[in-house]
C-alpha atoms as a PDB file:
ATOM      1  CA  MET A   1      -5.388   6.509  20.378  1.00  0.00           C
ATOM      2  CA  ILE A   2      -7.577   8.398  18.555  1.00  0.00           C
ATOM      3  CA  ILE A   3      -4.864   9.367  16.092  1.00  0.00           C
ATOM      4  CA  PHE A   4      -4.418   5.585  15.322  1.00  0.00           C
ATOM      5  CA  ARG A   5      -7.904   5.372  14.488  1.00  0.00           C
ATOM      6  CA  ILE A   6      -7.863   7.791  11.892  1.00  0.00           C
ATOM      7  CA  ILE A   7      -4.627   6.812  10.532  1.00  0.00           C
ATOM      8  CA  SER A   8      -6.214   3.107  10.005  1.00  0.00           C
ATOM      9  CA  LEU A   9      -8.976   4.913   8.643  1.00  0.00           C
ATOM     10  CA  LEU A  10      -6.934   7.063   6.152  1.00  0.00           C
ATOM     11  CA  LEU A  11      -5.134   3.469   5.307  1.00  0.00           C
ATOM     12  CA  ILE A  12      -8.477   1.784   4.441  1.00  0.00           C
ATOM     13  CA  ALA A  13      -9.695   4.451   2.302  1.00  0.00           C
ATOM     14  CA  ILE A  14      -6.629   4.741   0.508  1.00  0.00           C
ATOM     15  CA  ALA A  15      -6.324   0.678  -0.185  1.00  0.00           C
ATOM     16  CA  LEU A  16      -9.928   1.143  -1.398  1.00  0.00           C
ATOM     17  CA  MET A  17      -9.057   3.743  -3.528  1.00  0.00           C
ATOM     18  CA  PHE A  18      -6.485   1.828  -5.384  1.00  0.00           C
ATOM     19  CA  LEU A  19      -8.849  -0.956  -5.229  1.00  0.00           C
ATOM     20  CA  GLY A  20     -11.089   0.816  -7.749  1.00  0.00           C
ATOM     21  CA  HIS A  21      -8.122   1.933  -9.932  1.00  0.00           C
ATOM     22  CA  ASP A  22      -7.072  -1.553 -10.335  1.00  0.00           C
ATOM     23  CA  ALA A  23     -10.774  -2.749 -11.011  1.00  0.00           C
ATOM     24  CA  ILE A  24     -11.051   0.287 -13.380  1.00  0.00           C
ATOM     25  CA  SER A  25      -7.863  -0.573 -15.236  1.00  0.00           C
ATOM     26  CA  TRP A  26      -8.504  -4.081 -15.396  1.00  0.00           C
ATOM     27  CA  LEU A  27     -12.016  -3.400 -17.348  1.00  0.00           C
ATOM     28  CA  GLN A  28     -10.596  -1.265 -19.670  1.00  0.00           C
ATOM     29  CA  ALA A  29      -7.681  -3.507 -20.468  1.00  0.00           C
ATOM     30  CA  GLY A  30      -9.906  -6.501 -21.424  1.00  0.00           C
ATOM     31  CA  GLY A  31      -9.315  -8.814 -18.746  1.00  0.00           C
ATOM     32  CA  ASP A  32      -5.620  -8.612 -17.981  1.00  0.00           C
ATOM     33  CA  PHE A  33      -5.648  -7.931 -14.051  1.00  0.00           C
ATOM     34  CA  ALA A  34      -1.938  -6.123 -13.236  1.00  0.00           C
ATOM     35  CA  PRO A  35      -2.386  -4.642  -9.653  1.00  0.00           C
ATOM     36  CA  THR A  36      -0.578  -1.139  -8.866  1.00  0.00           C
ATOM     37  CA  SER A  37       2.629  -2.408  -6.618  1.00  0.00           C
ATOM     38  CA  LEU A  38       3.208  -0.659  -3.553  1.00  0.00           C
ATOM     39  CA  SER A  39       6.492   0.849  -5.146  1.00  0.00           C
ATOM     40  CA  SER A  40       4.094   2.464  -7.894  1.00  0.00           C
ATOM     41  CA  ALA A  41       1.949   3.807  -5.232  1.00  0.00           C
ATOM     42  CA  VAL A  42       4.679   5.506  -3.395  1.00  0.00           C
ATOM     43  CA  ASP A  43       5.975   6.573  -7.080  1.00  0.00           C
ATOM     44  CA  ILE A  44       2.463   8.204  -7.094  1.00  0.00           C
ATOM     45  CA  PHE A  45       2.252  10.099  -4.177  1.00  0.00           C
ATOM     46  CA  PHE A  46       6.246  11.060  -3.617  1.00  0.00           C
ATOM     47  CA  GLY A  47       7.323  11.682  -7.244  1.00  0.00           C
ATOM     48  CA  GLU A  48       8.861   9.586 -10.206  1.00  0.00           C
ATOM     49  CA  GLY A  49      11.440   6.797  -8.897  1.00  0.00           C
ATOM     50  CA  THR A  50      11.179   6.983  -5.008  1.00  0.00           C
ATOM     51  CA  GLY A  51       9.416   3.866  -4.841  1.00  0.00           C
ATOM     52  CA  ALA A  52      12.152   1.488  -6.371  1.00  0.00           C
ATOM     53  CA  GLY A  53      14.750   4.045  -5.498  1.00  0.00           C
ATOM     54  CA  TRP A  54      14.081   3.615  -1.764  1.00  0.00           C
ATOM     55  CA  VAL A  55      15.032   0.240  -1.854  1.00  0.00           C
ATOM     56  CA  ALA A  56      17.843   0.284  -3.764  1.00  0.00           C
ATOM     57  CA  GLY A  57      19.321   3.450  -1.677  1.00  0.00           C
ATOM     58  CA  ALA A  58      18.354   2.108   1.759  1.00  0.00           C
ATOM     59  CA  PRO A  59      21.004   0.312   4.012  1.00  0.00           C
ATOM     60  CA  GLU A  60      22.162  -3.228   3.803  1.00  0.00           C
ATOM     61  CA  ALA A  61      19.786  -4.252   6.827  1.00  0.00           C
ATOM     62  CA  VAL A  62      16.645  -3.195   4.896  1.00  0.00           C
ATOM     63  CA  GLN A  63      17.774  -4.382   1.448  1.00  0.00           C
ATOM     64  CA  ASN A  64      16.156  -8.049   2.060  1.00  0.00           C
ATOM     65  CA  PRO A  65      13.952  -9.849   0.036  1.00  0.00           C
ATOM     66  CA  GLY A  66      11.116  -9.508   2.500  1.00  0.00           C
ATOM     67  CA  VAL A  67      11.158  -5.907   1.819  1.00  0.00           C
ATOM     68  CA  GLN A  68      11.073  -5.984  -1.941  1.00  0.00           C
ATOM     69  CA  ASN A  69       8.419  -8.485  -1.752  1.00  0.00           C
ATOM     70  CA  LEU A  70       6.224  -6.021   0.463  1.00  0.00           C
ATOM     71  CA  MET A  71       6.995  -3.269  -2.302  1.00  0.00           C
ATOM     72  CA  ASP A  72       6.026  -5.626  -5.025  1.00  0.00           C
ATOM     73  CA  ALA A  73       2.747  -6.317  -3.326  1.00  0.00           C
ATOM     74  CA  PRO A  74      -0.401  -4.877  -4.748  1.00  0.00           C
ATOM     75  CA  SER A  75      -0.920  -1.385  -2.761  1.00  0.00           C
ATOM     76  CA  TRP A  76      -4.805  -2.194  -1.993  1.00  0.00           C
ATOM     77  CA  ALA A  77      -3.744  -5.529  -0.173  1.00  0.00           C
ATOM     78  CA  SER A  78      -0.618  -3.819   1.829  1.00  0.00           C
ATOM     79  CA  LEU A  79      -2.488  -0.768   2.804  1.00  0.00           C
ATOM     80  CA  GLY A  80      -5.364  -2.366   3.564  1.00  0.00           C
ATOM     81  CA  ILE A  81      -3.787  -5.102   5.822  1.00  0.00           C
ATOM     82  CA  VAL A  82      -1.905  -2.306   7.872  1.00  0.00           C
ATOM     83  CA  GLY A  83      -5.074  -0.161   8.024  1.00  0.00           C
ATOM     84  CA  LEU A  84      -7.203  -2.955   9.361  1.00  0.00           C
ATOM     85  CA  LEU A  85      -4.280  -4.126  12.057  1.00  0.00           C
ATOM     86  CA  LEU A  86      -4.473  -0.906  13.584  1.00  0.00           C
ATOM     87  CA  ALA A  87      -7.943  -0.488  13.605  1.00  0.00           C
ATOM     88  CA  LEU A  88      -8.417  -3.828  15.503  1.00  0.00           C
ATOM     89  CA  LEU A  89      -5.589  -3.318  17.732  1.00  0.00           C
ATOM     90  CA  PHE A  90      -6.626   0.456  18.684  1.00  0.00           C
ATOM     91  CA  ARG A  91     -10.621  -0.003  18.752  1.00  0.00           C
ATOM     92  CA  ARG A  92     -12.398   1.547  21.281  1.00  0.00           C
ATOM     93  CA  ARG A  93     -13.017  -1.053  24.132  1.00  0.00           C
ATOM     94  CA  ASP A  94     -15.796  -0.642  26.308  1.00  0.00           C
END
């Protein structure tokens, strides 16, 4: 169970980093808020073209509007929600 707590902390930390990145980009752009999508985050970590290419090259069962909406969502929200859910599910219970 400790591994899931570590994964949840990592996801929350990465989500906070993307939130900071979006905040700095927002301040530099002069008020135009354009959050980093999850597909752009996948591109940052795994190489250019893998985020959008993953959805396009996925099997038919995965190519649905829900997955596309998830990949278009802000990266800090997606990763943060998953991290918080894992933290709540695998918290230490006494």
